[in-house]
ModelCIF file with pLDDT and N, C-alpha, C, O atoms, coordinates in Angstrom:
data_MODEL
#
_entry.id   MODEL 
#
_entity.id                         1 
_entity.type                       polymer 
_entity.pdbx_number_of_molecules   1 
#
_entity_poly.entity_id                      1 
_entity_poly.type                           'polypeptide(L)' 
_entity_poly.nstd_linkage                   no 
_entity_poly.nstd_monomer                   no 
_entity_poly.pdbx_seq_one_letter_code       ECLTAIRALGVSVALDDFGVGGSALAHLHALPADRIKIGRPLAQDAE 
_entity_poly.pdbx_seq_one_letter_code_can   ECLTAIRALGVSVALDDFGVGGSALAHLHALPADRIKIGRPLAQDAE 
_entity_poly.pdbx_strand_id                 A 
#
loop_
_entity_poly_seq.entity_id 
_entity_poly_seq.num 
_entity_poly_seq.mon_id 
_entity_poly_seq.hetero 
1 1  GLU n 
1 2  CYS n 
1 3  LEU n 
1 4  THR n 
1 5  ALA n 
1 6  ILE n 
1 7  ARG n 
1 8  ALA n 
1 9  LEU n 
1 10 GLY n 
1 11 VAL n 
1 12 SER n 
1 13 VAL n 
1 14 ALA n 
1 15 LEU n 
1 16 ASP n 
1 17 ASP n 
1 18 PHE n 
1 19 GLY n 
1 20 VAL n 
1 21 GLY n 
1 22 GLY n 
1 23 SER n 
1 24 ALA n 
1 25 LEU n 
1 26 ALA n 
1 27 HIS n 
1 28 LEU n 
1 29 HIS n 
1 30 ALA n 
1 31 LEU n 
1 32 PRO n 
1 33 ALA n 
1 34 ASP n 
1 35 ARG n 
1 36 ILE n 
1 37 LYS n 
1 38 ILE n 
1 39 GLY n 
1 40 ARG n 
1 41 PRO n 
1 42 LEU n 
1 43 ALA n 
1 44 GLN n 
1 45 ASP n 
1 46 ALA n 
1 47 GLU n 
#
_struct_asym.id          A 
_struct_asym.entity_id   1 
#
loop_
_ma_qa_metric.id 
_ma_qa_metric.mode 
_ma_qa_metric.name 
_ma_qa_metric.software_group_id 
_ma_qa_metric.type 
1 global pLDDT . pLDDT 
2 local  pLDDT . pLDDT 
#
_ma_qa_metric_global.metric_id      1 
_ma_qa_metric_global.metric_value   85.11 
_ma_qa_metric_global.model_id       1 
_ma_qa_metric_global.ordinal_id     1 
#
loop_
_ma_qa_metric_local.label_asym_id 
_ma_qa_metric_local.label_comp_id 
_ma_qa_metric_local.label_seq_id 
_ma_qa_metric_local.metric_id 
_ma_qa_metric_local.metric_value 
_ma_qa_metric_local.model_id 
_ma_qa_metric_local.ordinal_id 
A GLU 1  2 89.00 1 1  
A CYS 2  2 91.00 1 2  
A LEU 3  2 91.00 1 3  
A THR 4  2 91.00 1 4  
A ALA 5  2 93.00 1 5  
A ILE 6  2 95.00 1 6  
A ARG 7  2 94.00 1 7  
A ALA 8  2 94.00 1 8  
A LEU 9  2 96.00 1 9  
A GLY 10 2 96.00 1 10 
A VAL 11 2 96.00 1 11 
A SER 12 2 95.00 1 12 
A VAL 13 2 94.00 1 13 
A ALA 14 2 93.00 1 14 
A LEU 15 2 91.00 1 15 
A ASP 16 2 90.00 1 16 
A ASP 17 2 86.00 1 17 
A PHE 18 2 86.00 1 18 
A GLY 19 2 76.00 1 19 
A VAL 20 2 74.00 1 20 
A GLY 21 2 62.00 1 21 
A GLY 22 2 54.00 1 22 
A SER 23 2 51.00 1 23 
A ALA 24 2 65.00 1 24 
A LEU 25 2 72.00 1 25 
A ALA 26 2 70.00 1 26 
A HIS 27 2 72.00 1 27 
A LEU 28 2 77.00 1 28 
A HIS 29 2 74.00 1 29 
A ALA 30 2 72.00 1 30 
A LEU 31 2 77.00 1 31 
A PRO 32 2 77.00 1 32 
A ALA 33 2 88.00 1 33 
A ASP 34 2 93.00 1 34 
A ARG 35 2 94.00 1 35 
A ILE 36 2 92.00 1 36 
A LYS 37 2 93.00 1 37 
A ILE 38 2 92.00 1 38 
A GLY 39 2 89.00 1 39 
A ARG 40 2 90.00 1 40 
A PRO 41 2 91.00 1 41 
A LEU 42 2 90.00 1 42 
A ALA 43 2 90.00 1 43 
A GLN 44 2 91.00 1 44 
A ASP 45 2 92.00 1 45 
A ALA 46 2 91.00 1 46 
A GLU 47 2 90.00 1 47 
#
loop_
_atom_site.group_PDB 
_atom_site.id 
_atom_site.type_symbol 
_atom_site.label_atom_id 
_atom_site.label_alt_id 
_atom_site.label_comp_id 
_atom_site.label_asym_id 
_atom_site.label_entity_id 
_atom_site.label_seq_id 
_atom_site.pdbx_PDB_ins_code 
_atom_site.Cartn_x 
_atom_site.Cartn_y 
_atom_site.Cartn_z 
_atom_site.occupancy 
_atom_site.B_iso_or_equiv 
_atom_site.pdbx_formal_charge 
_atom_site.auth_seq_id 
_atom_site.auth_comp_id 
_atom_site.auth_asym_id 
_atom_site.auth_atom_id 
_atom_site.pdbx_PDB_model_num 
ATOM 1   N N  . GLU A 1 1  ? -93.988  16.391  -45.649 1.00 89.00 ? 1  GLU A N  1 
ATOM 2   C CA . GLU A 1 1  ? -94.794  16.723  -46.830 1.00 89.00 ? 1  GLU A CA 1 
ATOM 3   C C  . GLU A 1 1  ? -94.652  15.659  -47.906 1.00 89.00 ? 1  GLU A C  1 
ATOM 4   O O  . GLU A 1 1  ? -95.625  15.294  -48.566 1.00 89.00 ? 1  GLU A O  1 
ATOM 5   N N  . CYS A 1 2  ? -93.427  15.162  -48.076 1.00 91.00 ? 2  CYS A N  1 
ATOM 6   C CA . CYS A 1 2  ? -93.175  14.111  -49.066 1.00 91.00 ? 2  CYS A CA 1 
ATOM 7   C C  . CYS A 1 2  ? -93.948  12.844  -48.722 1.00 91.00 ? 2  CYS A C  1 
ATOM 8   O O  . CYS A 1 2  ? -94.574  12.243  -49.595 1.00 91.00 ? 2  CYS A O  1 
ATOM 9   N N  . LEU A 1 3  ? -93.908  12.434  -47.456 1.00 91.00 ? 3  LEU A N  1 
ATOM 10  C CA . LEU A 1 3  ? -94.596  11.213  -47.041 1.00 91.00 ? 3  LEU A CA 1 
ATOM 11  C C  . LEU A 1 3  ? -96.110  11.377  -47.133 1.00 91.00 ? 3  LEU A C  1 
ATOM 12  O O  . LEU A 1 3  ? -96.814  10.428  -47.476 1.00 91.00 ? 3  LEU A O  1 
ATOM 13  N N  . THR A 1 4  ? -96.605  12.549  -46.836 1.00 91.00 ? 4  THR A N  1 
ATOM 14  C CA . THR A 1 4  ? -98.041  12.807  -46.978 1.00 91.00 ? 4  THR A CA 1 
ATOM 15  C C  . THR A 1 4  ? -98.470  12.661  -48.432 1.00 91.00 ? 4  THR A C  1 
ATOM 16  O O  . THR A 1 4  ? -99.514  12.081  -48.730 1.00 91.00 ? 4  THR A O  1 
ATOM 17  N N  . ALA A 1 5  ? -97.641  13.200  -49.340 1.00 93.00 ? 5  ALA A N  1 
ATOM 18  C CA . ALA A 1 5  ? -97.948  13.084  -50.771 1.00 93.00 ? 5  ALA A CA 1 
ATOM 19  C C  . ALA A 1 5  ? -97.886  11.631  -51.233 1.00 93.00 ? 5  ALA A C  1 
ATOM 20  O O  . ALA A 1 5  ? -98.687  11.216  -52.071 1.00 93.00 ? 5  ALA A O  1 
ATOM 21  N N  . ILE A 1 6  ? -96.941  10.851  -50.693 1.00 95.00 ? 6  ILE A N  1 
ATOM 22  C CA . ILE A 1 6  ? -96.819  9.436   -51.059 1.00 95.00 ? 6  ILE A CA 1 
ATOM 23  C C  . ILE A 1 6  ? -98.030  8.650   -50.572 1.00 95.00 ? 6  ILE A C  1 
ATOM 24  O O  . ILE A 1 6  ? -98.554  7.807   -51.301 1.00 95.00 ? 6  ILE A O  1 
ATOM 25  N N  . ARG A 1 7  ? -98.476  8.915   -49.356 1.00 94.00 ? 7  ARG A N  1 
ATOM 26  C CA . ARG A 1 7  ? -99.662  8.216   -48.825 1.00 94.00 ? 7  ARG A CA 1 
ATOM 27  C C  . ARG A 1 7  ? -100.915 8.583   -49.615 1.00 94.00 ? 7  ARG A C  1 
ATOM 28  O O  . ARG A 1 7  ? -101.835 7.777   -49.757 1.00 94.00 ? 7  ARG A O  1 
ATOM 29  N N  . ALA A 1 8  ? -100.933 9.827   -50.132 1.00 94.00 ? 8  ALA A N  1 
ATOM 30  C CA . ALA A 1 8  ? -102.077 10.249  -50.951 1.00 94.00 ? 8  ALA A CA 1 
ATOM 31  C C  . ALA A 1 8  ? -102.169 9.456   -52.251 1.00 94.00 ? 8  ALA A C  1 
ATOM 32  O O  . ALA A 1 8  ? -103.237 9.381   -52.857 1.00 94.00 ? 8  ALA A O  1 
ATOM 33  N N  . LEU A 1 9  ? -101.055 8.862   -52.682 1.00 96.00 ? 9  LEU A N  1 
ATOM 34  C CA . LEU A 1 9  ? -101.067 8.018   -53.885 1.00 96.00 ? 9  LEU A CA 1 
ATOM 35  C C  . LEU A 1 9  ? -101.707 6.665   -53.619 1.00 96.00 ? 9  LEU A C  1 
ATOM 36  O O  . LEU A 1 9  ? -102.031 5.933   -54.555 1.00 96.00 ? 9  LEU A O  1 
ATOM 37  N N  . GLY A 1 10 ? -101.896 6.323   -52.320 1.00 96.00 ? 10 GLY A N  1 
ATOM 38  C CA . GLY A 1 10 ? -102.387 5.007   -51.942 1.00 96.00 ? 10 GLY A CA 1 
ATOM 39  C C  . GLY A 1 10 ? -101.284 4.076   -51.495 1.00 96.00 ? 10 GLY A C  1 
ATOM 40  O O  . GLY A 1 10 ? -101.526 2.894   -51.253 1.00 96.00 ? 10 GLY A O  1 
ATOM 41  N N  . VAL A 1 11 ? -100.079 4.596   -51.384 1.00 96.00 ? 11 VAL A N  1 
ATOM 42  C CA . VAL A 1 11 ? -98.920  3.817   -50.940 1.00 96.00 ? 11 VAL A CA 1 
ATOM 43  C C  . VAL A 1 11 ? -98.874  3.830   -49.409 1.00 96.00 ? 11 VAL A C  1 
ATOM 44  O O  . VAL A 1 11 ? -99.102  4.868   -48.789 1.00 96.00 ? 11 VAL A O  1 
ATOM 45  N N  . SER A 1 12 ? -98.580  2.678   -48.804 1.00 95.00 ? 12 SER A N  1 
ATOM 46  C CA . SER A 1 12 ? -98.507  2.621   -47.345 1.00 95.00 ? 12 SER A CA 1 
ATOM 47  C C  . SER A 1 12 ? -97.106  2.992   -46.872 1.00 95.00 ? 12 SER A C  1 
ATOM 48  O O  . SER A 1 12 ? -96.140  2.927   -47.631 1.00 95.00 ? 12 SER A O  1 
ATOM 49  N N  . VAL A 1 13 ? -97.015  3.385   -45.592 1.00 94.00 ? 13 VAL A N  1 
ATOM 50  C CA . VAL A 1 13 ? -95.751  3.813   -44.998 1.00 94.00 ? 13 VAL A CA 1 
ATOM 51  C C  . VAL A 1 13 ? -95.511  3.016   -43.713 1.00 94.00 ? 13 VAL A C  1 
ATOM 52  O O  . VAL A 1 13 ? -96.397  2.895   -42.867 1.00 94.00 ? 13 VAL A O  1 
ATOM 53  N N  . ALA A 1 14 ? -94.299  2.477   -43.587 1.00 93.00 ? 14 ALA A N  1 
ATOM 54  C CA . ALA A 1 14 ? -93.927  1.715   -42.397 1.00 93.00 ? 14 ALA A CA 1 
ATOM 55  C C  . ALA A 1 14 ? -92.765  2.400   -41.692 1.00 93.00 ? 14 ALA A C  1 
ATOM 56  O O  . ALA A 1 14 ? -91.867  2.944   -42.336 1.00 93.00 ? 14 ALA A O  1 
ATOM 57  N N  . LEU A 1 15 ? -92.790  2.369   -40.356 1.00 91.00 ? 15 LEU A N  1 
ATOM 58  C CA . LEU A 1 15 ? -91.671  2.856   -39.558 1.00 91.00 ? 15 LEU A CA 1 
ATOM 59  C C  . LEU A 1 15 ? -90.767  1.675   -39.240 1.00 91.00 ? 15 LEU A C  1 
ATOM 60  O O  . LEU A 1 15 ? -91.137  0.789   -38.470 1.00 91.00 ? 15 LEU A O  1 
ATOM 61  N N  . ASP A 1 16 ? -89.583  1.667   -39.835 1.00 90.00 ? 16 ASP A N  1 
ATOM 62  C CA . ASP A 1 16 ? -88.659  0.549   -39.705 1.00 90.00 ? 16 ASP A CA 1 
ATOM 63  C C  . ASP A 1 16 ? -87.845  0.670   -38.415 1.00 90.00 ? 16 ASP A C  1 
ATOM 64  O O  . ASP A 1 16 ? -87.686  1.760   -37.866 1.00 90.00 ? 16 ASP A O  1 
ATOM 65  N N  . ASP A 1 17 ? -87.339  -0.462  -37.948 1.00 86.00 ? 17 ASP A N  1 
ATOM 66  C CA . ASP A 1 17 ? -86.455  -0.511  -36.774 1.00 86.00 ? 17 ASP A CA 1 
ATOM 67  C C  . ASP A 1 17 ? -87.090  0.156   -35.560 1.00 86.00 ? 17 ASP A C  1 
ATOM 68  O O  . ASP A 1 17 ? -86.393  0.819   -34.791 1.00 86.00 ? 17 ASP A O  1 
ATOM 69  N N  . PHE A 1 18 ? -88.378  -0.002  -35.376 1.00 86.00 ? 18 PHE A N  1 
ATOM 70  C CA . PHE A 1 18 ? -89.050  0.667   -34.262 1.00 86.00 ? 18 PHE A CA 1 
ATOM 71  C C  . PHE A 1 18 ? -88.548  0.089   -32.945 1.00 86.00 ? 18 PHE A C  1 
ATOM 72  O O  . PHE A 1 18 ? -88.419  -1.124  -32.779 1.00 86.00 ? 18 PHE A O  1 
ATOM 73  N N  . GLY A 1 19 ? -88.266  1.008   -32.008 1.00 76.00 ? 19 GLY A N  1 
ATOM 74  C CA . GLY A 1 19 ? -87.736  0.599   -30.713 1.00 76.00 ? 19 GLY A CA 1 
ATOM 75  C C  . GLY A 1 19 ? -86.231  0.483   -30.700 1.00 76.00 ? 19 GLY A C  1 
ATOM 76  O O  . GLY A 1 19 ? -85.637  0.151   -29.674 1.00 76.00 ? 19 GLY A O  1 
ATOM 77  N N  . VAL A 1 20 ? -85.602  0.759   -31.851 1.00 74.00 ? 20 VAL A N  1 
ATOM 78  C CA . VAL A 1 20 ? -84.142  0.686   -31.957 1.00 74.00 ? 20 VAL A CA 1 
ATOM 79  C C  . VAL A 1 20 ? -83.656  2.013   -32.518 1.00 74.00 ? 20 VAL A C  1 
ATOM 80  O O  . VAL A 1 20 ? -84.203  2.503   -33.505 1.00 74.00 ? 20 VAL A O  1 
ATOM 81  N N  . GLY A 1 21 ? -82.634  2.603   -31.901 1.00 62.00 ? 21 GLY A N  1 
ATOM 82  C CA . GLY A 1 21 ? -82.063  3.842   -32.440 1.00 62.00 ? 21 GLY A CA 1 
ATOM 83  C C  . GLY A 1 21 ? -83.046  4.984   -32.372 1.00 62.00 ? 21 GLY A C  1 
ATOM 84  O O  . GLY A 1 21 ? -83.657  5.221   -31.329 1.00 62.00 ? 21 GLY A O  1 
ATOM 85  N N  . GLY A 1 22 ? -83.206  5.696   -33.473 1.00 54.00 ? 22 GLY A N  1 
ATOM 86  C CA . GLY A 1 22 ? -83.974  6.942   -33.458 1.00 54.00 ? 22 GLY A CA 1 
ATOM 87  C C  . GLY A 1 22 ? -85.463  6.766   -33.662 1.00 54.00 ? 22 GLY A C  1 
ATOM 88  O O  . GLY A 1 22 ? -86.227  7.695   -33.403 1.00 54.00 ? 22 GLY A O  1 
ATOM 89  N N  . SER A 1 23 ? -85.911  5.576   -34.131 1.00 51.00 ? 23 SER A N  1 
ATOM 90  C CA . SER A 1 23 ? -87.337  5.402   -34.399 1.00 51.00 ? 23 SER A CA 1 
ATOM 91  C C  . SER A 1 23 ? -88.071  5.248   -33.082 1.00 51.00 ? 23 SER A C  1 
ATOM 92  O O  . SER A 1 23 ? -87.810  4.304   -32.337 1.00 51.00 ? 23 SER A O  1 
ATOM 93  N N  . ALA A 1 24 ? -88.985  6.161   -32.783 1.00 65.00 ? 24 ALA A N  1 
ATOM 94  C CA . ALA A 1 24 ? -89.620  6.164   -31.473 1.00 65.00 ? 24 ALA A CA 1 
ATOM 95  C C  . ALA A 1 24 ? -91.018  6.751   -31.562 1.00 65.00 ? 24 ALA A C  1 
ATOM 96  O O  . ALA A 1 24 ? -91.562  6.978   -32.643 1.00 65.00 ? 24 ALA A O  1 
ATOM 97  N N  . LEU A 1 25 ? -91.581  6.988   -30.374 1.00 72.00 ? 25 LEU A N  1 
ATOM 98  C CA . LEU A 1 25 ? -92.961  7.460   -30.305 1.00 72.00 ? 25 LEU A CA 1 
ATOM 99  C C  . LEU A 1 25 ? -93.147  8.801   -31.015 1.00 72.00 ? 25 LEU A C  1 
ATOM 100 O O  . LEU A 1 25 ? -94.220  9.077   -31.552 1.00 72.00 ? 25 LEU A O  1 
ATOM 101 N N  . ALA A 1 26 ? -92.103  9.633   -31.018 1.00 70.00 ? 26 ALA A N  1 
ATOM 102 C CA . ALA A 1 26 ? -92.227  10.933  -31.682 1.00 70.00 ? 26 ALA A CA 1 
ATOM 103 C C  . ALA A 1 26 ? -92.535  10.769  -33.165 1.00 70.00 ? 26 ALA A C  1 
ATOM 104 O O  . ALA A 1 26 ? -93.241  11.594  -33.744 1.00 70.00 ? 26 ALA A O  1 
ATOM 105 N N  . HIS A 1 27 ? -92.016  9.720   -33.783 1.00 72.00 ? 27 HIS A N  1 
ATOM 106 C CA . HIS A 1 27 ? -92.310  9.467   -35.195 1.00 72.00 ? 27 HIS A CA 1 
ATOM 107 C C  . HIS A 1 27 ? -93.775  9.101   -35.388 1.00 72.00 ? 27 HIS A C  1 
ATOM 108 O O  . HIS A 1 27 ? -94.408  9.518   -36.358 1.00 72.00 ? 27 HIS A O  1 
ATOM 109 N N  . LEU A 1 28 ? -94.305  8.315   -34.454 1.00 77.00 ? 28 LEU A N  1 
ATOM 110 C CA . LEU A 1 28 ? -95.726  7.962   -34.538 1.00 77.00 ? 28 LEU A CA 1 
ATOM 111 C C  . LEU A 1 28 ? -96.605  9.198   -34.452 1.00 77.00 ? 28 LEU A C  1 
ATOM 112 O O  . LEU A 1 28 ? -97.631  9.304   -35.125 1.00 77.00 ? 28 LEU A O  1 
ATOM 113 N N  . HIS A 1 29 ? -96.177  10.131  -33.608 1.00 74.00 ? 29 HIS A N  1 
ATOM 114 C CA . HIS A 1 29 ? -96.956  11.354  -33.448 1.00 74.00 ? 29 HIS A CA 1 
ATOM 115 C C  . HIS A 1 29 ? -96.821  12.251  -34.675 1.00 74.00 ? 29 HIS A C  1 
ATOM 116 O O  . HIS A 1 29 ? -97.780  12.909  -35.076 1.00 74.00 ? 29 HIS A O  1 
ATOM 117 N N  . ALA A 1 30 ? -95.630  12.276  -35.269 1.00 72.00 ? 30 ALA A N  1 
ATOM 118 C CA . ALA A 1 30 ? -95.386  13.157  -36.411 1.00 72.00 ? 30 ALA A CA 1 
ATOM 119 C C  . ALA A 1 30 ? -96.029  12.640  -37.684 1.00 72.00 ? 30 ALA A C  1 
ATOM 120 O O  . ALA A 1 30 ? -96.457  13.426  -38.529 1.00 72.00 ? 30 ALA A O  1 
ATOM 121 N N  . LEU A 1 31 ? -96.100  11.300  -37.829 1.00 77.00 ? 31 LEU A N  1 
ATOM 122 C CA . LEU A 1 31 ? -96.540  10.728  -39.099 1.00 77.00 ? 31 LEU A CA 1 
ATOM 123 C C  . LEU A 1 31 ? -97.589  9.639   -38.865 1.00 77.00 ? 31 LEU A C  1 
ATOM 124 O O  . LEU A 1 31 ? -97.358  8.728   -38.070 1.00 77.00 ? 31 LEU A O  1 
ATOM 125 N N  . PRO A 1 32 ? -98.734  9.718   -39.542 1.00 77.00 ? 32 PRO A N  1 
ATOM 126 C CA . PRO A 1 32 ? -99.728  8.631   -39.459 1.00 77.00 ? 32 PRO A CA 1 
ATOM 127 C C  . PRO A 1 32 ? -99.217  7.415   -40.229 1.00 77.00 ? 32 PRO A C  1 
ATOM 128 O O  . PRO A 1 32 ? -99.484  7.289   -41.424 1.00 77.00 ? 32 PRO A O  1 
ATOM 129 N N  . ALA A 1 33 ? -98.492  6.526   -39.572 1.00 88.00 ? 33 ALA A N  1 
ATOM 130 C CA . ALA A 1 33 ? -97.911  5.358   -40.234 1.00 88.00 ? 33 ALA A CA 1 
ATOM 131 C C  . ALA A 1 33 ? -98.957  4.264   -40.379 1.00 88.00 ? 33 ALA A C  1 
ATOM 132 O O  . ALA A 1 33 ? -99.938  4.220   -39.637 1.00 88.00 ? 33 ALA A O  1 
ATOM 133 N N  . ASP A 1 34 ? -98.730  3.378   -41.353 1.00 93.00 ? 34 ASP A N  1 
ATOM 134 C CA . ASP A 1 34 ? -99.607  2.238   -41.570 1.00 93.00 ? 34 ASP A CA 1 
ATOM 135 C C  . ASP A 1 34 ? -99.080  0.985   -40.886 1.00 93.00 ? 34 ASP A C  1 
ATOM 136 O O  . ASP A 1 34 ? -99.833  0.056   -40.596 1.00 93.00 ? 34 ASP A O  1 
ATOM 137 N N  . ARG A 1 35 ? -97.766  0.975   -40.633 1.00 94.00 ? 35 ARG A N  1 
ATOM 138 C CA . ARG A 1 35 ? -97.172  -0.234  -40.084 1.00 94.00 ? 35 ARG A CA 1 
ATOM 139 C C  . ARG A 1 35 ? -95.965  0.134   -39.217 1.00 94.00 ? 35 ARG A C  1 
ATOM 140 O O  . ARG A 1 35 ? -95.240  1.087   -39.504 1.00 94.00 ? 35 ARG A O  1 
ATOM 141 N N  . ILE A 1 36 ? -95.771  -0.640  -38.156 1.00 92.00 ? 36 ILE A N  1 
ATOM 142 C CA . ILE A 1 36 ? -94.569  -0.547  -37.332 1.00 92.00 ? 36 ILE A CA 1 
ATOM 143 C C  . ILE A 1 36 ? -93.791  -1.841  -37.518 1.00 92.00 ? 36 ILE A C  1 
ATOM 144 O O  . ILE A 1 36 ? -94.348  -2.932  -37.394 1.00 92.00 ? 36 ILE A O  1 
ATOM 145 N N  . LYS A 1 37 ? -92.503  -1.717  -37.815 1.00 93.00 ? 37 LYS A N  1 
ATOM 146 C CA . LYS A 1 37 ? -91.637  -2.890  -37.915 1.00 93.00 ? 37 LYS A CA 1 
ATOM 147 C C  . LYS A 1 37 ? -90.721  -2.897  -36.694 1.00 93.00 ? 37 LYS A C  1 
ATOM 148 O O  . LYS A 1 37 ? -89.829  -2.060  -36.560 1.00 93.00 ? 37 LYS A O  1 
ATOM 149 N N  . ILE A 1 38 ? -90.963  -3.853  -35.818 1.00 92.00 ? 38 ILE A N  1 
ATOM 150 C CA . ILE A 1 38 ? -90.194  -3.945  -34.580 1.00 92.00 ? 38 ILE A CA 1 
ATOM 151 C C  . ILE A 1 38 ? -88.776  -4.385  -34.917 1.00 92.00 ? 38 ILE A C  1 
ATOM 152 O O  . ILE A 1 38 ? -88.577  -5.403  -35.579 1.00 92.00 ? 38 ILE A O  1 
ATOM 153 N N  . GLY A 1 39 ? -87.786  -3.611  -34.460 1.00 89.00 ? 39 GLY A N  1 
ATOM 154 C CA . GLY A 1 39 ? -86.404  -3.845  -34.839 1.00 89.00 ? 39 GLY A CA 1 
ATOM 155 C C  . GLY A 1 39 ? -85.862  -5.200  -34.414 1.00 89.00 ? 39 GLY A C  1 
ATOM 156 O O  . GLY A 1 39 ? -86.266  -5.756  -33.392 1.00 89.00 ? 39 GLY A O  1 
ATOM 157 N N  . ARG A 1 40 ? -84.942  -5.722  -35.213 1.00 90.00 ? 40 ARG A N  1 
ATOM 158 C CA . ARG A 1 40 ? -84.355  -7.042  -34.996 1.00 90.00 ? 40 ARG A CA 1 
ATOM 159 C C  . ARG A 1 40 ? -83.800  -7.219  -33.580 1.00 90.00 ? 40 ARG A C  1 
ATOM 160 O O  . ARG A 1 40 ? -84.126  -8.220  -32.942 1.00 90.00 ? 40 ARG A O  1 
ATOM 161 N N  . PRO A 1 41 ? -82.966  -6.290  -33.047 1.00 91.00 ? 41 PRO A N  1 
ATOM 162 C CA . PRO A 1 41 ? -82.404  -6.528  -31.704 1.00 91.00 ? 41 PRO A CA 1 
ATOM 163 C C  . PRO A 1 41 ? -83.477  -6.681  -30.633 1.00 91.00 ? 41 PRO A C  1 
ATOM 164 O O  . PRO A 1 41 ? -83.368  -7.531  -29.748 1.00 91.00 ? 41 PRO A O  1 
ATOM 165 N N  . LEU A 1 42 ? -84.506  -5.858  -30.720 1.00 90.00 ? 42 LEU A N  1 
ATOM 166 C CA . LEU A 1 42 ? -85.554  -5.911  -29.703 1.00 90.00 ? 42 LEU A CA 1 
ATOM 167 C C  . LEU A 1 42 ? -86.356  -7.198  -29.825 1.00 90.00 ? 42 LEU A C  1 
ATOM 168 O O  . LEU A 1 42 ? -86.666  -7.833  -28.816 1.00 90.00 ? 42 LEU A O  1 
ATOM 169 N N  . ALA A 1 43 ? -86.693  -7.589  -31.044 1.00 90.00 ? 43 ALA A N  1 
ATOM 170 C CA . ALA A 1 43 ? -87.483  -8.812  -31.250 1.00 90.00 ? 43 ALA A CA 1 
ATOM 171 C C  . ALA A 1 43 ? -86.712  -10.037 -30.777 1.00 90.00 ? 43 ALA A C  1 
ATOM 172 O O  . ALA A 1 43 ? -87.301  -10.952 -30.202 1.00 90.00 ? 43 ALA A O  1 
ATOM 173 N N  . GLN A 1 44 ? -85.399  -10.069 -31.011 1.00 91.00 ? 44 GLN A N  1 
ATOM 174 C CA . GLN A 1 44 ? -84.609  -11.224 -30.608 1.00 91.00 ? 44 GLN A CA 1 
ATOM 175 C C  . GLN A 1 44 ? -84.368  -11.246 -29.100 1.00 91.00 ? 44 GLN A C  1 
ATOM 176 O O  . GLN A 1 44 ? -84.385  -12.313 -28.487 1.00 91.00 ? 44 GLN A O  1 
ATOM 177 N N  . ASP A 1 45 ? -84.141  -10.065 -28.494 1.00 92.00 ? 45 ASP A N  1 
ATOM 178 C CA . ASP A 1 45 ? -83.911  -10.016 -27.044 1.00 92.00 ? 45 ASP A CA 1 
ATOM 179 C C  . ASP A 1 45 ? -85.151  -10.423 -26.254 1.00 92.00 ? 45 ASP A C  1 
ATOM 180 O O  . ASP A 1 45 ? -85.047  -10.905 -25.126 1.00 92.00 ? 45 ASP A O  1 
ATOM 181 N N  . ALA A 1 46 ? -86.323  -10.228 -26.853 1.00 91.00 ? 46 ALA A N  1 
ATOM 182 C CA . ALA A 1 46 ? -87.558  -10.515 -26.127 1.00 91.00 ? 46 ALA A CA 1 
ATOM 183 C C  . ALA A 1 46 ? -87.652  -11.986 -25.728 1.00 91.00 ? 46 ALA A C  1 
ATOM 184 O O  . ALA A 1 46 ? -88.374  -12.318 -24.788 1.00 91.00 ? 46 ALA A O  1 
ATOM 185 N N  . GLU A 1 47 ? -86.941  -12.867 -26.417 1.00 90.00 ? 47 GLU A N  1 
ATOM 186 C CA . GLU A 1 47 ? -86.990  -14.294 -26.104 1.00 90.00 ? 47 GLU A CA 1 
ATOM 187 C C  . GLU A 1 47 ? -86.342  -14.595 -24.760 1.00 90.00 ? 47 GLU A C  1 
ATOM 188 O O  . GLU A 1 47 ? -86.297  -15.752 -24.341 1.00 90.00 ? 47 GLU A O  1 
#
């Protein structure tokens, strides 16, 4: 409810550390996010 009210102000919401720890697909389903931030360990391992 808090995040919905914040987005209603025109503020964007990003899911941080995506793919690391608890941030996962369930968050995408629960919240209409504006941005996904791919977590540092995953981005670095991809090399």
